N, C-alpha and C. Protein backbone atom coordinates (compact mmCIF):
# COMPACT_ATOMS: atom_id res chain seq x y z
N UNK A 1 -47.51 -36.45 -121.97
CA UNK A 1 -48.75 -35.94 -121.47
C UNK A 1 -49.35 -36.98 -120.52
N UNK A 2 -49.73 -36.54 -119.35
CA UNK A 2 -50.30 -37.43 -118.34
C UNK A 2 -51.76 -37.06 -118.13
N UNK A 3 -52.62 -38.06 -118.27
CA UNK A 3 -54.05 -37.83 -118.06
C UNK A 3 -54.46 -38.49 -116.76
N UNK A 4 -55.21 -37.78 -115.97
CA UNK A 4 -55.74 -38.37 -114.73
C UNK A 4 -57.24 -38.27 -114.75
N UNK A 5 -57.86 -39.26 -114.20
CA UNK A 5 -59.33 -39.27 -114.14
C UNK A 5 -59.79 -38.75 -112.79
N UNK A 6 -60.81 -37.97 -112.84
CA UNK A 6 -61.41 -37.51 -111.59
C UNK A 6 -62.27 -38.63 -111.04
N UNK A 7 -62.10 -38.91 -109.80
CA UNK A 7 -62.95 -39.92 -109.19
C UNK A 7 -63.93 -39.22 -108.28
N UNK A 8 -65.18 -39.54 -108.50
CA UNK A 8 -66.19 -38.96 -107.64
C UNK A 8 -66.90 -40.10 -106.92
N UNK A 9 -67.45 -39.78 -105.78
CA UNK A 9 -68.14 -40.79 -104.99
C UNK A 9 -69.33 -41.32 -105.80
N UNK A 10 -69.58 -42.62 -105.71
CA UNK A 10 -70.72 -43.16 -106.44
C UNK A 10 -72.03 -42.59 -105.89
N UNK A 11 -72.99 -42.41 -106.77
CA UNK A 11 -74.30 -41.90 -106.36
C UNK A 11 -75.00 -42.94 -105.50
N UNK A 12 -75.82 -42.51 -104.57
CA UNK A 12 -76.58 -43.46 -103.75
C UNK A 12 -77.52 -44.29 -104.63
N UNK A 13 -77.89 -45.45 -104.14
CA UNK A 13 -78.85 -46.29 -104.85
C UNK A 13 -80.25 -45.87 -104.40
N UNK A 14 -80.98 -45.24 -105.28
CA UNK A 14 -82.29 -44.71 -104.94
C UNK A 14 -83.41 -45.73 -105.11
N UNK A 15 -83.11 -46.92 -105.65
CA UNK A 15 -84.13 -47.93 -105.93
C UNK A 15 -84.87 -48.35 -104.68
N UNK A 16 -86.14 -48.68 -104.87
CA UNK A 16 -86.93 -49.24 -103.78
C UNK A 16 -88.26 -48.53 -103.61
N UNK A 17 -88.96 -48.94 -102.58
CA UNK A 17 -90.23 -48.32 -102.22
C UNK A 17 -89.99 -47.44 -101.02
N UNK A 18 -90.38 -46.18 -101.13
CA UNK A 18 -90.15 -45.18 -100.10
C UNK A 18 -91.50 -44.68 -99.60
N UNK A 19 -91.77 -44.87 -98.30
CA UNK A 19 -93.04 -44.45 -97.72
C UNK A 19 -92.94 -43.06 -97.12
N UNK A 20 -93.94 -42.24 -97.42
CA UNK A 20 -93.99 -40.88 -96.90
C UNK A 20 -94.20 -40.94 -95.39
N UNK A 21 -93.41 -40.17 -94.64
CA UNK A 21 -93.51 -40.19 -93.18
C UNK A 21 -94.67 -39.34 -92.67
N UNK A 22 -95.26 -38.52 -93.54
CA UNK A 22 -96.40 -37.70 -93.14
C UNK A 22 -97.61 -38.60 -92.93
N UNK A 23 -98.16 -38.59 -91.73
CA UNK A 23 -99.31 -39.43 -91.43
C UNK A 23 -100.58 -38.77 -91.94
N UNK A 24 -101.28 -39.47 -92.81
CA UNK A 24 -102.57 -39.01 -93.32
C UNK A 24 -103.60 -40.05 -92.90
N UNK A 25 -104.69 -39.63 -92.26
CA UNK A 25 -105.67 -40.61 -91.78
C UNK A 25 -106.36 -41.39 -92.90
N UNK A 26 -106.36 -40.84 -94.13
CA UNK A 26 -107.08 -41.49 -95.22
C UNK A 26 -106.20 -42.17 -96.25
N UNK A 27 -105.02 -41.61 -96.49
CA UNK A 27 -104.17 -42.12 -97.57
C UNK A 27 -102.78 -42.49 -97.09
N UNK A 28 -102.23 -43.53 -97.72
CA UNK A 28 -100.83 -43.90 -97.52
C UNK A 28 -100.13 -43.59 -98.84
N UNK A 29 -99.05 -42.81 -98.77
CA UNK A 29 -98.34 -42.37 -99.96
C UNK A 29 -96.96 -43.01 -100.00
N UNK A 30 -96.59 -43.52 -101.17
CA UNK A 30 -95.25 -44.10 -101.34
C UNK A 30 -94.75 -43.78 -102.74
N UNK A 31 -93.43 -43.69 -102.86
CA UNK A 31 -92.77 -43.56 -104.15
C UNK A 31 -92.10 -44.89 -104.46
N UNK A 32 -92.32 -45.41 -105.65
CA UNK A 32 -91.63 -46.61 -106.10
C UNK A 32 -90.61 -46.16 -107.13
N UNK A 33 -89.33 -46.36 -106.80
CA UNK A 33 -88.24 -45.91 -107.66
C UNK A 33 -87.56 -47.14 -108.26
N UNK A 34 -87.56 -47.22 -109.59
CA UNK A 34 -86.99 -48.38 -110.28
C UNK A 34 -85.94 -47.92 -111.28
N UNK A 35 -84.87 -48.72 -111.42
CA UNK A 35 -83.83 -48.42 -112.41
C UNK A 35 -84.42 -48.57 -113.81
N UNK A 36 -83.97 -47.72 -114.70
CA UNK A 36 -84.34 -47.76 -116.11
C UNK A 36 -83.08 -47.44 -116.89
N UNK A 37 -82.24 -48.45 -117.09
CA UNK A 37 -80.92 -48.23 -117.69
C UNK A 37 -80.06 -47.48 -116.70
N UNK A 38 -79.49 -46.36 -117.12
CA UNK A 38 -78.68 -45.52 -116.23
C UNK A 38 -79.54 -44.57 -115.41
N UNK A 39 -80.81 -44.49 -115.75
CA UNK A 39 -81.72 -43.55 -115.10
C UNK A 39 -82.74 -44.29 -114.23
N UNK A 40 -83.76 -43.58 -113.80
CA UNK A 40 -84.79 -44.15 -112.94
C UNK A 40 -86.17 -43.76 -113.45
N UNK A 41 -87.17 -44.54 -113.04
CA UNK A 41 -88.57 -44.19 -113.21
C UNK A 41 -89.18 -44.14 -111.81
N UNK A 42 -89.95 -43.10 -111.53
CA UNK A 42 -90.57 -42.94 -110.22
C UNK A 42 -92.08 -42.97 -110.39
N UNK A 43 -92.73 -43.87 -109.64
CA UNK A 43 -94.18 -43.98 -109.65
C UNK A 43 -94.71 -43.60 -108.28
N UNK A 44 -95.59 -42.63 -108.26
CA UNK A 44 -96.21 -42.19 -107.02
C UNK A 44 -97.45 -43.06 -106.79
N UNK A 45 -97.55 -43.69 -105.63
CA UNK A 45 -98.71 -44.53 -105.33
C UNK A 45 -99.46 -43.97 -104.13
N UNK A 46 -100.77 -44.01 -104.23
CA UNK A 46 -101.65 -43.57 -103.15
C UNK A 46 -102.57 -44.73 -102.80
N UNK A 47 -102.57 -45.12 -101.52
CA UNK A 47 -103.42 -46.22 -101.08
C UNK A 47 -104.47 -45.67 -100.13
N UNK A 48 -105.74 -45.95 -100.44
CA UNK A 48 -106.85 -45.56 -99.58
C UNK A 48 -106.87 -46.53 -98.40
N UNK A 49 -106.67 -46.02 -97.20
CA UNK A 49 -106.58 -46.89 -96.03
C UNK A 49 -107.91 -47.58 -95.72
N UNK A 50 -109.02 -46.96 -96.10
CA UNK A 50 -110.32 -47.53 -95.79
C UNK A 50 -110.69 -48.66 -96.74
N UNK A 51 -110.47 -48.45 -98.04
CA UNK A 51 -110.87 -49.45 -99.03
C UNK A 51 -109.74 -50.39 -99.43
N UNK A 52 -108.49 -49.97 -99.19
CA UNK A 52 -107.35 -50.76 -99.60
C UNK A 52 -106.98 -50.58 -101.07
N UNK A 53 -107.75 -49.76 -101.80
CA UNK A 53 -107.50 -49.52 -103.22
C UNK A 53 -106.25 -48.68 -103.40
N UNK A 54 -105.39 -49.11 -104.33
CA UNK A 54 -104.16 -48.39 -104.62
C UNK A 54 -104.24 -47.75 -105.99
N UNK A 55 -103.89 -46.47 -106.05
CA UNK A 55 -103.84 -45.73 -107.31
C UNK A 55 -102.39 -45.43 -107.62
N UNK A 56 -101.96 -45.83 -108.83
CA UNK A 56 -100.59 -45.56 -109.26
C UNK A 56 -100.61 -44.47 -110.32
N UNK A 57 -99.82 -43.44 -110.09
CA UNK A 57 -99.71 -42.36 -111.07
C UNK A 57 -98.74 -42.81 -112.17
N UNK A 58 -98.81 -42.16 -113.32
CA UNK A 58 -97.90 -42.48 -114.41
C UNK A 58 -96.45 -42.29 -113.96
N UNK A 59 -95.56 -43.21 -114.33
CA UNK A 59 -94.15 -43.04 -113.94
C UNK A 59 -93.55 -41.80 -114.59
N UNK A 60 -92.67 -41.15 -113.85
CA UNK A 60 -91.96 -39.99 -114.39
C UNK A 60 -90.46 -40.30 -114.40
N UNK A 61 -89.74 -39.80 -115.41
CA UNK A 61 -88.31 -40.08 -115.49
C UNK A 61 -87.52 -39.27 -114.47
N UNK A 62 -86.41 -39.84 -114.05
CA UNK A 62 -85.50 -39.17 -113.13
C UNK A 62 -84.08 -39.62 -113.47
N UNK A 63 -83.13 -38.78 -113.12
CA UNK A 63 -81.73 -39.13 -113.34
C UNK A 63 -80.89 -38.55 -112.21
N UNK A 64 -79.72 -39.12 -112.05
CA UNK A 64 -78.80 -38.63 -111.02
C UNK A 64 -77.93 -37.55 -111.65
N UNK A 65 -77.97 -36.36 -111.06
CA UNK A 65 -77.18 -35.25 -111.56
C UNK A 65 -75.73 -35.34 -111.12
N UNK A 66 -74.93 -34.39 -111.54
CA UNK A 66 -73.51 -34.36 -111.20
C UNK A 66 -73.28 -34.25 -109.70
N UNK A 67 -74.24 -33.69 -108.99
CA UNK A 67 -74.11 -33.54 -107.54
C UNK A 67 -74.49 -34.80 -106.77
N UNK A 68 -75.02 -35.82 -107.49
CA UNK A 68 -75.45 -37.04 -106.84
C UNK A 68 -76.90 -37.02 -106.40
N UNK A 69 -77.58 -35.89 -106.64
CA UNK A 69 -79.00 -35.80 -106.29
C UNK A 69 -79.84 -36.45 -107.38
N UNK A 70 -80.94 -37.06 -106.97
CA UNK A 70 -81.88 -37.63 -107.92
C UNK A 70 -82.78 -36.50 -108.40
N UNK A 71 -82.77 -36.25 -109.70
CA UNK A 71 -83.54 -35.15 -110.27
C UNK A 71 -84.73 -35.70 -111.03
N UNK A 72 -85.92 -35.32 -110.57
CA UNK A 72 -87.16 -35.76 -111.19
C UNK A 72 -87.58 -34.69 -112.20
N UNK A 73 -87.85 -35.12 -113.40
CA UNK A 73 -88.20 -34.20 -114.47
C UNK A 73 -89.71 -34.28 -114.73
N UNK A 74 -90.45 -33.31 -114.22
CA UNK A 74 -91.90 -33.29 -114.38
C UNK A 74 -92.29 -32.00 -115.09
N UNK A 75 -92.48 -32.08 -116.38
CA UNK A 75 -92.80 -30.88 -117.15
C UNK A 75 -91.62 -29.92 -117.15
N UNK A 76 -91.91 -28.63 -117.04
CA UNK A 76 -90.82 -27.65 -117.07
C UNK A 76 -90.03 -27.58 -115.76
N UNK A 77 -90.58 -28.17 -114.72
CA UNK A 77 -89.92 -28.10 -113.41
C UNK A 77 -89.09 -29.34 -113.13
N UNK A 78 -88.18 -29.20 -112.21
CA UNK A 78 -87.34 -30.32 -111.78
C UNK A 78 -87.32 -30.32 -110.25
N UNK A 79 -87.43 -31.50 -109.66
CA UNK A 79 -87.41 -31.64 -108.21
C UNK A 79 -86.22 -32.51 -107.84
N UNK A 80 -85.45 -32.10 -106.85
CA UNK A 80 -84.29 -32.86 -106.40
C UNK A 80 -84.62 -33.67 -105.15
N UNK A 81 -84.11 -34.91 -105.12
CA UNK A 81 -84.21 -35.77 -103.95
C UNK A 81 -82.80 -36.16 -103.53
N UNK A 82 -82.61 -36.35 -102.23
CA UNK A 82 -81.32 -36.79 -101.69
C UNK A 82 -81.57 -37.79 -100.58
N UNK A 83 -80.60 -38.66 -100.36
CA UNK A 83 -80.67 -39.58 -99.22
C UNK A 83 -79.86 -38.98 -98.09
N UNK A 84 -80.51 -38.81 -96.95
CA UNK A 84 -79.86 -38.25 -95.76
C UNK A 84 -78.84 -39.26 -95.25
N UNK A 85 -77.58 -38.86 -95.21
CA UNK A 85 -76.51 -39.74 -94.77
C UNK A 85 -76.60 -40.15 -93.32
N UNK A 86 -77.32 -39.40 -92.51
CA UNK A 86 -77.44 -39.71 -91.08
C UNK A 86 -78.45 -40.81 -90.80
N UNK A 87 -79.59 -40.78 -91.50
CA UNK A 87 -80.64 -41.74 -91.17
C UNK A 87 -81.15 -42.55 -92.37
N UNK A 88 -80.64 -42.28 -93.56
CA UNK A 88 -81.04 -43.05 -94.74
C UNK A 88 -82.37 -42.66 -95.34
N UNK A 89 -83.00 -41.59 -94.83
CA UNK A 89 -84.28 -41.16 -95.38
C UNK A 89 -84.09 -40.46 -96.72
N UNK A 90 -85.11 -40.55 -97.56
CA UNK A 90 -85.15 -39.84 -98.83
C UNK A 90 -85.86 -38.52 -98.58
N UNK A 91 -85.21 -37.42 -98.97
CA UNK A 91 -85.75 -36.09 -98.69
C UNK A 91 -85.91 -35.34 -100.00
N UNK A 92 -87.07 -34.73 -100.18
CA UNK A 92 -87.30 -33.91 -101.37
C UNK A 92 -88.75 -33.55 -101.52
N UNK A 93 -89.02 -32.52 -102.30
CA UNK A 93 -90.37 -32.08 -102.59
C UNK A 93 -91.14 -31.75 -101.31
N UNK A 94 -90.44 -31.30 -100.28
CA UNK A 94 -91.09 -30.94 -99.02
C UNK A 94 -91.52 -32.12 -98.19
N UNK A 95 -91.08 -33.32 -98.54
CA UNK A 95 -91.47 -34.53 -97.81
C UNK A 95 -90.25 -35.34 -97.40
N UNK A 96 -90.47 -36.23 -96.44
CA UNK A 96 -89.44 -37.17 -95.99
C UNK A 96 -90.01 -38.57 -96.16
N UNK A 97 -89.22 -39.44 -96.76
CA UNK A 97 -89.65 -40.82 -97.02
C UNK A 97 -88.68 -41.79 -96.35
N UNK A 98 -89.22 -42.88 -95.81
CA UNK A 98 -88.39 -43.95 -95.26
C UNK A 98 -88.47 -45.14 -96.20
N UNK A 99 -87.38 -45.88 -96.31
CA UNK A 99 -87.35 -47.03 -97.21
C UNK A 99 -88.15 -48.17 -96.59
N UNK A 100 -89.06 -48.74 -97.38
CA UNK A 100 -89.88 -49.85 -96.92
C UNK A 100 -89.01 -51.09 -96.78
N UNK A 101 -89.31 -51.89 -95.81
CA UNK A 101 -88.56 -53.12 -95.56
C UNK A 101 -89.02 -54.22 -96.48
């Protein structure tokens, strides 16, 4: 009996700070994605451009699914994120994010 292992491409590294490309005159929005074992925690941050005050939302768990997409688990719903292979942007939830330098 011969066993072979399926090799799949490694999932992208989603870690880092991702800034929303949507320009808002009052708020700057970013996602902070951190490894948590094999999974991730995502914290949504909102910065008031006028006062400089930053509000961090509670972290939500996320994991990489079989398709390589980052799946955010928020209540009964799930949101998928992917990294665009052409430009490296994070896409999901109707938004586009660029990785902060």
